[in-house]
C-alpha cells in the first residue's frame, strides 16, 4: 500500500475528482467567476437543440472515419514493408516516426504552407500540370479532409511502431514452414501474419479512436472550425463554450457527451473484435 499510495493519491486527485466534478458542473449554470446554479438536465437539452453542437458531433465522427482506418492500414503497411534488419529500413522507420514527436503547432504550420491557396506547395504542384489545386482550407466539403490528411501524416509513427513490435514477436519458424510448403505471400499474410497480430490491431484501433475523438489543435489552428463550422469538432465546441462564452456548465455537458461517445465507440470495437477472435 505504501508503494501504490502516491499513485492512488494523484490518480484520485487529478482524474477521479475532476471526472465527478465535471459531471456536477454539467448539471449547473456555472461560469469562471462564482458558484453555479443547479439546472438538472437543462444543459443537455440545450446541447441537443443546438445545431452547431450536432454538427460538431457529425464532424467528429466524420474525422474519426477518415483517420482511424487510414492510420491502422497505413501503419500496418509501413510496418510490413520496413520489418527488415537493414540500414535503409532503420533509417526509414526513424523518418516515419519523427513526425510523431512534432508539436501540433509545427504540424499545422507545415500543412498550412502546403494547402495555402495559389501560393502553397500543393498549388505549385498542380500548376505544373495546368490544374487548380483543391481548396482544403476554404472549401466546406474539403476542410475536414485537409485536417485528416495532416493528422494522418502526424500520427502514423505510433501505429507503425506498435505493428513493428507485434511483427517481430512472430516466431520465424512459422514463416520457414510456410516457405517449405510453397505458401504464397498473400496466404502467408492472411493466415499467419494478420491472425498473429490481431490483438495489436484491436489495440491500435482503440487507441486511435480515443485520440481522434479528441481532435482540437489541428482544427483550431488550420481552419478555426470553419468554413461555416464544417471542421468544428466537439472539443473545439467545448473550448469555445467554456472559455470564450464562459458557459462552463454547457462546456462540461458537452464534455460528458464526448466521454460517452468515446467510451461507446471504443468498447464496441473491443467487443466486436473479441467476438470475431473467439469465432
Protein backbone atom coordinates (compact mmCIF):
# COMPACT_ATOMS: atom_id res chain seq x y z
CA UNK A 1 0.00 0.00 0.00
CA UNK A 2 2.89 2.36 0.67
CA UNK A 3 4.19 1.81 -2.84
CA UNK A 4 0.83 2.37 -4.55
CA UNK A 5 -0.34 5.20 -2.26
CA UNK A 6 1.40 8.02 -4.20
CA UNK A 7 -0.07 6.79 -7.48
CA UNK A 8 -3.55 6.38 -5.99
CA UNK A 9 -3.37 9.85 -4.45
CA UNK A 10 -2.59 11.61 -7.73
CA UNK A 11 -4.93 9.32 -9.67
CA UNK A 12 -7.84 10.31 -7.45
CA UNK A 13 -6.78 13.96 -7.27
CA UNK A 14 -6.16 14.53 -10.98
CA UNK A 15 -8.59 12.09 -12.62
CA UNK A 16 -11.36 10.81 -10.37
CA UNK A 17 -12.19 14.11 -8.63
CA UNK A 18 -12.22 16.15 -11.88
CA UNK A 19 -14.38 13.49 -13.53
CA UNK A 20 -17.10 13.72 -10.88
CA UNK A 21 -16.70 17.49 -10.63
CA UNK A 22 -17.27 17.72 -14.39
CA UNK A 23 -20.42 15.63 -14.03
CA UNK A 24 -21.67 18.03 -11.38
CA UNK A 25 -20.77 21.10 -13.45
CA UNK A 26 -22.73 19.70 -16.39
CA UNK A 27 -25.87 19.92 -14.23
CA UNK A 28 -25.35 23.56 -13.26
CA UNK A 29 -25.32 27.01 -14.81
CA UNK A 30 -21.77 27.97 -13.92
CA UNK A 31 -19.12 30.38 -15.11
CA UNK A 32 -15.48 31.00 -14.18
CA UNK A 33 -16.26 33.63 -11.58
CA UNK A 34 -18.59 32.11 -8.99
CA UNK A 35 -20.64 29.13 -7.78
CA UNK A 36 -23.10 27.58 -10.18
CA UNK A 37 -26.86 27.22 -10.02
CA UNK A 38 -28.30 23.71 -10.29
CA UNK A 39 -30.27 23.21 -13.51
CA UNK A 40 -30.66 19.46 -13.77
CA UNK A 41 -30.55 18.23 -17.36
CA UNK A 42 -31.23 21.63 -18.92
CA UNK A 43 -27.69 21.91 -20.30
CA UNK A 44 -28.07 18.60 -22.12
CA UNK A 45 -31.43 19.71 -23.52
CA UNK A 46 -29.82 22.92 -24.80
CA UNK A 47 -26.97 20.93 -26.34
CA UNK A 48 -29.15 18.64 -28.39
CA UNK A 49 -31.19 21.54 -29.72
CA UNK A 50 -28.01 23.39 -30.77
CA UNK A 51 -27.38 22.83 -34.48
CA UNK A 52 -23.71 23.78 -34.10
CA UNK A 53 -23.20 21.06 -31.47
CA UNK A 54 -25.00 18.45 -33.57
CA UNK A 55 -22.79 19.50 -36.48
CA UNK A 56 -19.70 19.18 -34.25
CA UNK A 57 -20.69 15.60 -33.38
CA UNK A 58 -21.12 14.74 -37.06
CA UNK A 59 -17.82 16.44 -37.92
CA UNK A 60 -16.03 14.46 -35.22
CA UNK A 61 -17.44 11.14 -36.38
CA UNK A 62 -16.51 12.02 -39.97
CA UNK A 63 -12.97 12.85 -38.87
CA UNK A 64 -12.68 9.56 -36.95
CA UNK A 65 -13.97 7.70 -40.02
CA UNK A 66 -11.32 9.40 -42.17
CA UNK A 67 -8.34 8.96 -39.86
CA UNK A 68 -8.67 5.76 -37.83
CA UNK A 69 -8.83 3.27 -40.75
CA UNK A 70 -6.13 5.22 -42.61
CA UNK A 71 -3.79 5.22 -39.59
CA UNK A 72 -4.34 1.49 -38.97
CA UNK A 73 -3.94 0.39 -42.59
CA UNK A 74 -1.03 2.68 -43.45
CA UNK A 75 0.69 1.89 -40.14
CA UNK A 76 0.39 -1.83 -40.84
CA UNK A 77 1.59 -1.40 -44.43
CA UNK A 78 4.65 0.57 -43.34
CA UNK A 79 5.40 -1.98 -40.63
CA UNK A 80 5.21 -4.86 -43.12
CA UNK A 81 7.48 -3.06 -45.60
CA UNK A 82 10.02 -1.90 -43.01
CA UNK A 83 10.14 -5.08 -40.93
CA UNK A 84 13.67 -5.81 -42.13
CA UNK A 85 17.07 -5.84 -40.46
CA UNK A 86 18.67 -3.45 -42.92
CA UNK A 87 20.17 0.00 -42.53
CA UNK A 88 17.77 1.59 -45.03
CA UNK A 89 14.76 0.13 -43.18
CA UNK A 90 16.07 1.51 -39.89
CA UNK A 91 16.53 4.97 -41.39
CA UNK A 92 13.05 4.93 -42.92
CA UNK A 93 11.49 3.81 -39.63
CA UNK A 94 13.16 6.75 -37.91
CA UNK A 95 11.95 9.16 -40.61
CA UNK A 96 8.33 8.00 -40.43
CA UNK A 97 8.33 8.05 -36.61
CA UNK A 98 9.95 11.50 -36.46
CA UNK A 99 6.68 13.26 -37.34
CA UNK A 100 5.09 11.90 -34.14
CA UNK A 101 7.39 13.98 -31.92
CA UNK A 102 6.44 17.28 -33.56
CA UNK A 103 4.08 19.66 -31.81
CA UNK A 104 0.65 20.34 -33.23
CA UNK A 105 1.72 23.92 -33.94
CA UNK A 106 4.57 22.79 -36.17
CA UNK A 107 2.38 20.23 -37.95
CA UNK A 108 -0.39 22.71 -38.71
CA UNK A 109 2.13 25.35 -39.85
CA UNK A 110 3.68 22.86 -42.30
CA UNK A 111 0.32 21.83 -43.73
CA UNK A 112 -0.98 25.39 -43.96
CA UNK A 113 2.05 26.12 -46.13
CA UNK A 114 1.17 23.05 -48.23
CA UNK A 115 -2.54 23.91 -48.55
CA UNK A 116 -2.45 27.70 -48.77
CA UNK A 117 -4.34 28.77 -51.94
CA UNK A 118 -2.42 29.99 -55.00
CA UNK A 119 0.98 30.05 -53.25
CA UNK A 120 1.19 26.77 -51.34
CA UNK A 121 3.19 23.69 -52.29
CA UNK A 122 0.08 21.85 -53.46
CA UNK A 123 -0.91 24.76 -55.73
CA UNK A 124 2.59 24.80 -57.23
CA UNK A 125 2.49 21.06 -57.97
CA UNK A 126 -0.96 21.28 -59.56
CA UNK A 127 0.20 24.33 -61.51
CA UNK A 128 2.87 22.23 -63.21
CA UNK A 129 0.04 20.27 -64.84
CA UNK A 130 -2.11 23.31 -65.58
CA UNK A 131 -4.71 22.40 -62.95
CA UNK A 132 -6.18 24.12 -59.90
CA UNK A 133 -5.40 22.60 -56.51
CA UNK A 134 -8.20 21.59 -54.10
CA UNK A 135 -9.14 24.34 -51.62
CA UNK A 136 -8.62 22.29 -48.46
CA UNK A 137 -8.71 25.30 -46.12
CA UNK A 138 -11.63 27.20 -47.65
CA UNK A 139 -13.98 24.59 -49.15
CA UNK A 140 -16.52 23.29 -46.59
CA UNK A 141 -16.53 19.88 -48.28
CA UNK A 142 -12.73 19.55 -48.13
CA UNK A 143 -11.81 21.27 -44.86
CA UNK A 144 -12.13 18.18 -42.66
CA UNK A 145 -10.33 16.07 -45.25
CA UNK A 146 -7.41 18.52 -45.13
CA UNK A 147 -7.30 18.30 -41.33
CA UNK A 148 -7.42 14.49 -41.59
CA UNK A 149 -4.51 14.41 -44.06
CA UNK A 150 -2.36 16.47 -41.70
CA UNK A 151 -3.36 14.27 -38.75
CA UNK A 152 -2.53 11.00 -40.53
CA UNK A 153 0.87 12.40 -41.56
CA UNK A 154 1.46 13.47 -37.96
CA UNK A 155 0.29 10.34 -36.18
CA UNK A 156 1.41 7.49 -38.46
CA UNK A 157 4.51 6.78 -36.36
CA UNK A 158 2.77 5.25 -33.33
CA UNK A 159 0.71 2.62 -35.22
CA UNK A 160 3.77 1.72 -37.27
CA UNK A 161 5.89 1.13 -34.17
CA UNK A 162 3.18 -0.93 -32.45
CA UNK A 163 2.74 -3.12 -35.53
CA UNK A 164 6.51 -3.49 -35.88
CA UNK A 165 6.76 -4.68 -32.29
CA UNK A 166 3.98 -7.21 -32.90
CA UNK A 167 5.50 -8.48 -36.16
CA UNK A 168 8.86 -9.03 -34.52
CA UNK A 169 7.24 -11.25 -31.90
CA UNK A 170 6.03 -13.78 -34.51
CA UNK A 171 8.37 -16.81 -34.48
CA UNK A 172 10.44 -17.11 -37.65
CA UNK A 173 9.92 -20.90 -37.71
CA UNK A 174 6.31 -20.35 -38.79
CA UNK A 175 7.41 -18.46 -41.88
CA UNK A 176 10.08 -21.05 -42.62
CA UNK A 177 7.46 -23.81 -42.50
CA UNK A 178 5.19 -21.80 -44.81
CA UNK A 179 8.07 -21.28 -47.25
CA UNK A 180 8.79 -25.03 -47.32
CA UNK A 181 5.14 -25.60 -48.26
CA UNK A 182 5.46 -23.02 -51.09
CA UNK A 183 2.81 -20.83 -49.47
CA UNK A 184 2.21 -17.61 -51.38
CA UNK A 185 2.93 -14.24 -49.76
CA UNK A 186 -0.76 -13.36 -49.75
CA UNK A 187 -1.76 -16.58 -47.96
CA UNK A 188 1.12 -16.12 -45.51
CA UNK A 189 -0.09 -12.60 -44.75
CA UNK A 190 -3.75 -13.60 -44.46
CA UNK A 191 -3.40 -16.86 -42.50
CA UNK A 192 -0.23 -16.29 -40.44
CA UNK A 193 0.69 -12.62 -40.05
CA UNK A 194 -2.71 -10.98 -39.57
CA UNK A 195 -4.06 -13.57 -37.06
CA UNK A 196 -0.81 -13.29 -35.08
CA UNK A 197 -1.13 -9.52 -34.68
CA UNK A 198 -4.91 -9.41 -34.21
CA UNK A 199 -4.69 -8.14 -30.63
CA UNK A 200 -2.29 -5.38 -31.65
CA UNK A 201 -4.64 -4.36 -34.46
CA UNK A 202 -7.50 -4.03 -31.96
CA UNK A 203 -5.23 -2.04 -29.62
CA UNK A 204 -4.25 0.35 -32.40
CA UNK A 205 -7.88 0.88 -33.41
CA UNK A 206 -8.98 1.60 -29.82
CA UNK A 207 -6.05 3.96 -29.17
CA UNK A 208 -6.71 5.87 -32.37
CA UNK A 209 -10.45 6.12 -31.68
CA UNK A 210 -9.70 7.67 -28.30
CA UNK A 211 -7.09 10.02 -29.78
CA UNK A 212 -9.03 11.16 -32.83
CA UNK A 213 -12.27 11.83 -30.98
CA UNK A 214 -10.26 14.46 -29.10
CA UNK A 215 -9.41 16.46 -32.23
CA UNK A 216 -8.72 20.05 -31.27
CA UNK A 217 -5.40 21.67 -32.16
CA UNK A 218 -5.33 20.81 -35.85
CA UNK A 219 -8.86 22.10 -36.47
CA UNK A 220 -8.34 25.24 -34.40
CA UNK A 221 -5.02 26.21 -36.00
CA UNK A 222 -5.70 25.15 -39.59
CA UNK A 223 -9.31 26.23 -40.15
CA UNK A 224 -10.62 27.68 -36.86
CA UNK A 225 -13.56 25.31 -37.15
CA UNK A 226 -14.60 26.79 -40.49
CA UNK A 227 -15.55 27.45 -43.09
CA UNK A 228 -19.17 27.64 -41.94
CA UNK A 229 -18.47 25.26 -39.00
CA UNK A 230 -17.56 22.47 -41.45
CA UNK A 231 -14.47 21.43 -39.46
CA UNK A 232 -15.56 22.27 -35.92
CA UNK A 233 -15.08 19.19 -33.66
CA UNK A 234 -16.63 18.59 -30.25
CA UNK A 235 -13.53 19.60 -28.27
CA UNK A 236 -13.34 22.95 -30.06
CA UNK A 237 -17.03 23.46 -29.24
CA UNK A 238 -16.28 22.66 -25.57
CA UNK A 239 -13.38 25.13 -25.51
CA UNK A 240 -15.44 27.92 -27.03
CA UNK A 241 -18.44 27.28 -24.77
CA UNK A 242 -16.41 27.18 -21.54
CA UNK A 243 -13.61 29.69 -22.15
CA UNK A 244 -14.98 32.10 -24.74
CA UNK A 245 -18.65 32.29 -23.79
CA UNK A 246 -17.90 31.47 -20.12
CA UNK A 247 -20.71 28.91 -20.07
CA UNK A 248 -18.83 26.29 -18.07
CA UNK A 249 -21.92 24.17 -17.43
CA UNK A 250 -22.60 23.90 -21.16
CA UNK A 251 -18.97 23.02 -21.85
CA UNK A 252 -19.00 20.39 -19.10
CA UNK A 253 -22.18 18.84 -20.51
CA UNK A 254 -20.60 18.67 -23.98
CA UNK A 255 -17.51 17.05 -22.48
CA UNK A 256 -19.65 14.38 -20.81
CA UNK A 257 -21.29 13.64 -24.16
CA UNK A 258 -17.83 13.32 -25.71
CA UNK A 259 -16.75 10.97 -22.91
CA UNK A 260 -19.80 8.78 -23.53
CA UNK A 261 -19.17 8.70 -27.30
CA UNK A 262 -15.53 7.70 -26.86
CA UNK A 263 -16.45 5.01 -24.33
CA UNK A 264 -19.20 3.55 -26.52
CA UNK A 265 -17.07 3.57 -29.68
CA UNK A 266 -14.02 2.04 -28.01
CA UNK A 267 -15.97 -0.65 -26.15
CA UNK A 268 -17.99 -1.54 -29.26
CA UNK A 269 -14.80 -2.02 -31.24
CA UNK A 270 -13.30 -4.11 -28.43
CA UNK A 271 -16.27 -6.45 -28.07
CA UNK A 272 -16.72 -6.88 -31.83
CA UNK A 273 -13.04 -7.73 -32.26
CA UNK A 274 -13.13 -10.05 -29.25
CA UNK A 275 -16.17 -11.92 -30.61
CA UNK A 276 -14.53 -12.32 -34.01
CA UNK A 277 -11.40 -13.64 -32.31
CA UNK A 278 -13.41 -16.22 -30.39
CA UNK A 279 -15.21 -17.28 -33.57
